[in-house]
C-alpha cells in the first residue's frame, strides 16, 4: 500500500473559524447578561451570564484543541493528533458541570435570602439572547456535522444549553413579575432548572468523547457502508473485517479483503490501491485506509 493520506488541515480551519465566531458572540452576550442581571436584580440572568462566560472558556479550549489536532502525523504520533479533540470535548463537559454546580449553589443561596424582583427589561435581553444562541447552535452543529468533529458538535450543544438557560430565565422572571411580591424566588428556581439541562448536556458530550478515546465503534453504519462500496470492486470476493478508529474529524479504517489466491503480489498490491482510492472517493471523512489482502482459495 502507498502512504497516501488526506490532510485534515482544511477541515480544522473550518472548525477554527466557527469556534472563533462562537467565542466573540458568547463574550458579547456574557457582558450584556451580566450587566442586565446585576442592574436588573435577576440571578437567573446572572447565572445565564456565567453559562455564556463558560462558553467563552470552553470555546477557547476547543480552538486550541483544533489547532493542535490539525498537526500532521509525526514519529511519536503516527496516527496524527486527532484524539486531542475528544480530550477537549471532555474538558467542555467538565466545564459545563462546574458551571451548573455554581448556578445551583448560588440559586439556593438566593432562594433562602429575600431579594428584589427582576426588572421588566431583563426579558428583552433574554429574547435577544435566545434568538442569537439558537442561531449559533444550529450554525455550529451544522459545521460540526460537516467536518465530523465531536468537539465542534460538543461546542454546539454548549450554545444550546445557553439558549435553554435563557428560556428558563425568561420563564422565571415572567413568573416573578406577574406574581409580584413573594414570587421573586421563581427567578432563582428557573436558574436551578437551567442547571439540570446543563448537566444533561455535559453527560451527552462526555459519554461520546470517552467512547472516541476508547476507540469505540462510534459509527457502525460507516463500516457497513464501506463494506458495501468495497464489494462493488470487481476483484474483491469478500470483506472479512472492517474496523474504524476516529481521530478528531476523520477516520482511519483497517480492513481485510479476499481476492483470487492466484493473483500475484503485485496484482494484489494494485487491487488494494484501487479499493483504497474507491473508498476515498465515496467517503470524504476517511483520512487513511489500511488494507490486508487474503487469498480466497485458502479460506
Protein backbone atom coordinates (compact mmCIF):
# COMPACT_ATOMS: atom_id res chain seq x y z
CA UNK A 1 0.00 0.00 0.00
CA UNK A 2 1.11 3.55 -0.59
CA UNK A 3 1.37 6.22 2.10
CA UNK A 4 -1.30 8.47 0.63
CA UNK A 5 -3.30 10.14 3.38
CA UNK A 6 -5.69 13.03 3.46
CA UNK A 7 -4.69 16.26 5.13
CA UNK A 8 -7.18 17.34 7.84
CA UNK A 9 -5.89 20.93 7.91
CA UNK A 10 -8.62 22.34 5.65
CA UNK A 11 -11.28 20.71 7.83
CA UNK A 12 -9.71 22.09 11.01
CA UNK A 13 -9.61 25.60 9.53
CA UNK A 14 -13.39 25.49 9.11
CA UNK A 15 -13.73 24.41 12.74
CA UNK A 16 -11.40 27.19 13.89
CA UNK A 17 -13.45 29.83 12.07
CA UNK A 18 -16.69 28.51 13.55
CA UNK A 19 -15.21 28.41 17.05
CA UNK A 20 -13.85 31.95 16.80
CA UNK A 21 -17.31 33.24 15.88
CA UNK A 22 -18.72 31.43 18.91
CA UNK A 23 -16.11 32.99 21.21
CA UNK A 24 -16.87 36.53 20.04
CA UNK A 25 -20.66 36.13 20.27
CA UNK A 26 -20.54 34.40 23.68
CA UNK A 27 -18.26 37.09 25.14
CA UNK A 28 -20.61 39.83 23.92
CA UNK A 29 -23.68 38.09 25.36
CA UNK A 30 -21.95 37.32 28.67
CA UNK A 31 -21.28 41.04 29.20
CA UNK A 32 -24.84 42.04 28.30
CA UNK A 33 -26.42 39.36 30.51
CA UNK A 34 -24.06 40.04 33.40
CA UNK A 35 -24.79 43.77 33.43
CA UNK A 36 -28.50 43.14 32.88
CA UNK A 37 -28.62 40.68 35.77
CA UNK A 38 -26.75 42.93 38.19
CA UNK A 39 -28.72 46.12 37.47
CA UNK A 40 -31.97 44.27 36.76
CA UNK A 41 -31.86 42.24 40.03
CA UNK A 42 -32.11 38.86 38.26
CA UNK A 43 -29.94 35.99 39.42
CA UNK A 44 -31.31 33.81 36.62
CA UNK A 45 -29.79 36.32 34.20
CA UNK A 46 -26.53 36.37 36.15
CA UNK A 47 -26.50 32.56 36.04
CA UNK A 48 -27.05 32.81 32.31
CA UNK A 49 -24.06 35.14 32.11
CA UNK A 50 -21.98 32.51 33.93
CA UNK A 51 -23.07 29.99 31.29
CA UNK A 52 -22.02 32.33 28.48
CA UNK A 53 -18.70 33.00 30.21
CA UNK A 54 -18.11 29.25 30.37
CA UNK A 55 -18.88 29.19 26.64
CA UNK A 56 -16.01 31.58 26.07
CA UNK A 57 -13.63 29.41 28.12
CA UNK A 58 -14.65 26.12 26.52
CA UNK A 59 -14.67 27.57 23.02
CA UNK A 60 -11.16 28.81 23.69
CA UNK A 61 -10.22 25.28 24.72
CA UNK A 62 -11.78 23.97 21.54
CA UNK A 63 -9.91 26.49 19.40
CA UNK A 64 -6.60 25.40 20.94
CA UNK A 65 -7.57 21.74 20.51
CA UNK A 66 -8.42 22.17 16.84
CA UNK A 67 -5.11 23.92 16.24
CA UNK A 68 -3.25 21.06 17.90
CA UNK A 69 -5.25 18.28 16.22
CA UNK A 70 -4.53 19.70 12.76
CA UNK A 71 -0.81 18.97 13.17
CA UNK A 72 0.33 16.28 10.73
CA UNK A 73 1.41 12.81 11.95
CA UNK A 74 4.96 12.53 13.25
CA UNK A 75 7.28 9.84 14.57
CA UNK A 76 5.66 9.80 18.00
CA UNK A 77 2.10 10.19 16.70
CA UNK A 78 1.82 8.10 13.51
CA UNK A 79 -1.98 8.37 13.55
CA UNK A 80 -1.90 12.14 13.96
CA UNK A 81 -3.12 14.29 16.85
CA UNK A 82 -6.88 13.99 16.32
CA UNK A 83 -7.59 12.47 19.74
CA UNK A 84 -6.95 15.87 21.30
CA UNK A 85 -10.44 16.83 20.09
CA UNK A 86 -12.05 14.16 22.26
CA UNK A 87 -9.99 15.36 25.24
CA UNK A 88 -11.17 18.92 24.58
CA UNK A 89 -14.78 17.73 24.39
CA UNK A 90 -14.36 16.08 27.80
CA UNK A 91 -12.92 19.37 29.08
CA UNK A 92 -16.04 21.14 27.78
CA UNK A 93 -18.23 18.61 29.61
CA UNK A 94 -16.31 19.21 32.85
CA UNK A 95 -16.65 22.98 32.43
CA UNK A 96 -20.41 22.55 31.96
CA UNK A 97 -20.63 20.53 35.18
CA UNK A 98 -18.69 23.21 37.08
CA UNK A 99 -20.88 25.99 35.65
CA UNK A 100 -24.02 24.05 36.54
CA UNK A 101 -22.75 23.45 40.07
CA UNK A 102 -22.03 27.16 40.59
CA UNK A 103 -25.51 28.06 39.36
CA UNK A 104 -27.22 25.54 41.68
CA UNK A 105 -25.21 26.66 44.71
CA UNK A 106 -25.85 30.37 44.18
CA UNK A 107 -29.52 29.79 43.30
CA UNK A 108 -30.10 28.04 46.63
CA UNK A 109 -28.44 30.95 48.44
CA UNK A 110 -30.73 33.42 46.65
CA UNK A 111 -33.82 31.30 47.38
CA UNK A 112 -33.03 31.44 51.10
CA UNK A 113 -32.32 35.19 51.10
CA UNK A 114 -35.07 37.76 50.28
CA UNK A 115 -34.28 39.98 47.30
CA UNK A 116 -35.85 42.40 44.84
CA UNK A 117 -37.97 41.32 41.89
CA UNK A 118 -36.27 41.43 38.48
CA UNK A 119 -36.71 44.45 36.23
CA UNK A 120 -39.02 44.02 33.17
CA UNK A 121 -36.31 44.98 30.69
CA UNK A 122 -34.39 41.82 31.55
CA UNK A 123 -36.96 39.92 29.45
CA UNK A 124 -35.95 41.90 26.35
CA UNK A 125 -32.32 40.95 26.92
CA UNK A 126 -33.27 37.29 27.14
CA UNK A 127 -35.29 37.38 23.91
CA UNK A 128 -32.20 38.67 22.11
CA UNK A 129 -30.01 36.07 23.78
CA UNK A 130 -32.26 33.10 22.98
CA UNK A 131 -32.56 34.07 19.32
CA UNK A 132 -28.81 34.61 18.98
CA UNK A 133 -27.78 31.43 20.78
CA UNK A 134 -30.25 29.22 18.95
CA UNK A 135 -28.95 30.51 15.63
CA UNK A 136 -25.38 29.95 16.79
CA UNK A 137 -26.24 26.41 17.95
CA UNK A 138 -27.66 25.47 14.55
CA UNK A 139 -24.74 27.03 12.69
CA UNK A 140 -22.04 25.35 14.82
CA UNK A 141 -23.83 21.98 14.85
CA UNK A 142 -24.16 22.06 11.06
CA UNK A 143 -20.44 22.78 10.73
CA UNK A 144 -19.56 20.11 13.30
CA UNK A 145 -21.55 17.53 11.34
CA UNK A 146 -20.00 18.67 8.06
CA UNK A 147 -16.43 18.19 9.32
CA UNK A 148 -17.38 15.26 11.59
CA UNK A 149 -15.88 16.84 14.70
CA UNK A 150 -17.16 15.67 18.10
CA UNK A 151 -15.55 18.68 19.78
CA UNK A 152 -17.25 21.19 17.46
CA UNK A 153 -20.58 19.40 17.94
CA UNK A 154 -19.99 19.48 21.70
CA UNK A 155 -19.46 23.23 21.44
CA UNK A 156 -22.77 23.49 19.57
CA UNK A 157 -24.61 21.75 22.42
CA UNK A 158 -22.95 24.16 24.80
CA UNK A 159 -24.58 27.01 22.87
CA UNK A 160 -27.90 25.16 23.00
CA UNK A 161 -27.58 24.77 26.78
CA UNK A 162 -27.02 28.52 26.98
CA UNK A 163 -30.21 29.09 24.99
CA UNK A 164 -32.07 26.73 27.35
CA UNK A 165 -30.85 28.58 30.44
CA UNK A 166 -32.05 31.80 28.85
CA UNK A 167 -35.52 30.32 28.19
CA UNK A 168 -35.69 29.11 31.79
CA UNK A 169 -34.61 32.55 33.00
CA UNK A 170 -37.29 34.17 30.82
CA UNK A 171 -39.99 31.96 32.35
CA UNK A 172 -38.75 32.52 35.89
CA UNK A 173 -38.54 36.29 35.50
CA UNK A 174 -42.00 36.38 33.90
CA UNK A 175 -43.50 34.49 36.86
CA UNK A 176 -41.73 36.81 39.32
CA UNK A 177 -43.04 39.92 37.52
CA UNK A 178 -46.59 38.65 37.10
CA UNK A 179 -46.87 37.16 40.60
CA UNK A 180 -45.43 40.19 42.35
CA UNK A 181 -44.23 40.15 45.94
CA UNK A 182 -43.47 36.65 47.20
CA UNK A 183 -42.73 35.28 43.73
CA UNK A 184 -39.21 36.66 43.48
CA UNK A 185 -37.73 33.19 44.02
CA UNK A 186 -39.23 31.99 40.73
CA UNK A 187 -36.25 33.67 39.13
CA UNK A 188 -33.90 31.53 41.24
CA UNK A 189 -35.79 28.28 40.66
CA UNK A 190 -35.51 28.96 36.93
CA UNK A 191 -31.73 29.03 37.31
CA UNK A 192 -31.80 25.62 39.06
CA UNK A 193 -33.91 24.11 36.27
CA UNK A 194 -31.47 25.50 33.71
CA UNK A 195 -28.60 23.83 35.57
CA UNK A 196 -30.31 20.43 35.17
CA UNK A 197 -30.26 20.87 31.39
CA UNK A 198 -26.61 21.86 31.58
CA UNK A 199 -25.76 18.65 33.47
CA UNK A 200 -27.62 16.59 30.86
CA UNK A 201 -25.68 18.17 28.01
CA UNK A 202 -22.44 17.55 29.90
CA UNK A 203 -23.30 13.85 30.12
CA UNK A 204 -24.07 13.60 26.39
CA UNK A 205 -20.84 15.32 25.44
CA UNK A 206 -18.65 13.39 27.88
CA UNK A 207 -20.12 9.98 27.04
CA UNK A 208 -19.45 10.19 23.30
CA UNK A 209 -15.97 11.65 23.81
CA UNK A 210 -14.92 8.88 26.18
CA UNK A 211 -16.15 6.36 23.60
CA UNK A 212 -13.96 8.01 20.99
CA UNK A 213 -10.87 7.87 23.23
CA UNK A 214 -11.51 4.17 23.84
CA UNK A 215 -11.80 3.52 20.07
CA UNK A 216 -15.42 2.53 20.48
CA UNK A 217 -17.32 1.81 17.25
CA UNK A 218 -18.98 5.21 17.32
CA UNK A 219 -20.46 4.98 13.81
CA UNK A 220 -21.00 1.27 12.99
CA UNK A 221 -23.00 2.18 9.91
CA UNK A 222 -19.85 3.70 8.43
CA UNK A 223 -18.15 0.30 8.21
CA UNK A 224 -21.32 -1.23 6.81
CA UNK A 225 -21.32 1.34 4.01
CA UNK A 226 -17.59 0.88 3.42
CA UNK A 227 -18.04 -2.87 3.03
CA UNK A 228 -20.85 -2.29 0.53
CA UNK A 229 -18.70 0.01 -1.60
CA UNK A 230 -15.59 -2.21 -1.38
CA UNK A 231 -17.62 -5.20 -2.57
CA UNK A 232 -18.51 -3.28 -5.72
CA UNK A 233 -14.90 -3.54 -6.92
CA UNK A 234 -14.70 -6.41 -9.38
CA UNK A 235 -11.74 -8.27 -7.82
CA UNK A 236 -12.97 -8.16 -4.22
CA UNK A 237 -14.57 -11.50 -3.33
CA UNK A 238 -15.33 -10.74 0.30
CA UNK A 239 -14.60 -8.18 3.00
CA UNK A 240 -13.63 -10.24 6.01
CA UNK A 241 -13.22 -7.43 8.51
CA UNK A 242 -13.67 -3.68 8.76
CA UNK A 243 -12.77 -1.69 11.87
CA UNK A 244 -12.89 2.10 12.27
CA UNK A 245 -10.91 4.39 14.52
CA UNK A 246 -11.98 8.02 14.91
CA UNK A 247 -9.19 10.58 15.06
CA UNK A 248 -10.60 14.05 15.52
CA UNK A 249 -12.59 14.97 12.43
CA UNK A 250 -11.63 11.90 10.40
CA UNK A 251 -11.48 8.11 10.46
CA UNK A 252 -8.78 5.50 10.00
CA UNK A 253 -10.05 2.21 8.56
CA UNK A 254 -8.50 -1.25 8.98
CA UNK A 255 -9.92 -3.95 6.73
CA UNK A 256 -9.22 -7.45 5.36
CA UNK A 257 -10.38 -8.31 1.85
CA UNK A 258 -10.38 -11.58 -0.05
CA UNK A 259 -9.15 -11.76 -3.64
CA UNK A 260 -8.34 -14.60 -6.03
CA UNK A 261 -5.42 -16.52 -4.49
CA UNK A 262 -3.83 -16.97 -7.93
CA UNK A 263 -3.15 -13.26 -8.21
CA UNK A 264 0.48 -12.17 -7.90
CA UNK A 265 1.73 -9.99 -5.06
CA UNK A 266 1.95 -7.08 -7.50
CA UNK A 267 -1.64 -7.61 -8.63
CA UNK A 268 -2.83 -7.83 -5.04
CA UNK A 269 -0.99 -4.63 -4.20
CA UNK A 270 -2.63 -2.88 -7.15
CA UNK A 271 -6.10 -4.12 -6.14
CA UNK A 272 -5.60 -2.77 -2.62
CA UNK A 273 -4.68 0.62 -4.12
CA UNK A 274 -7.81 0.64 -6.26
CA UNK A 275 -10.07 -0.28 -3.34
CA UNK A 276 -8.47 2.44 -1.21
CA UNK A 277 -8.99 5.05 -3.95
CA UNK A 278 -12.61 3.93 -4.35
CA UNK A 279 -13.24 4.38 -0.63
CA UNK A 280 -11.60 7.81 -0.59
CA UNK A 281 -13.84 8.85 -3.47
CA UNK A 282 -17.01 7.81 -1.66
CA UNK A 283 -16.12 8.71 1.94
CA UNK A 284 -14.55 12.16 2.38
CA UNK A 285 -14.30 11.62 6.15
CA UNK A 286 -11.61 8.96 5.72
CA UNK A 287 -8.03 10.04 6.35
CA UNK A 288 -6.37 6.67 5.76
CA UNK A 289 -7.28 3.08 4.90
CA UNK A 290 -5.14 0.06 5.80
CA UNK A 291 -5.97 -2.98 3.67
CA UNK A 292 -4.78 -6.54 4.30
CA UNK A 293 -5.08 -8.94 1.36
CA UNK A 294 -6.24 -12.55 1.96
CA UNK A 295 -6.17 -15.32 -0.71
CA UNK A 296 -9.72 -16.56 -1.16
CA UNK A 297 -8.72 -20.11 -2.18
CA UNK A 298 -7.14 -20.73 1.23
CA UNK A 299 -10.24 -19.78 3.22
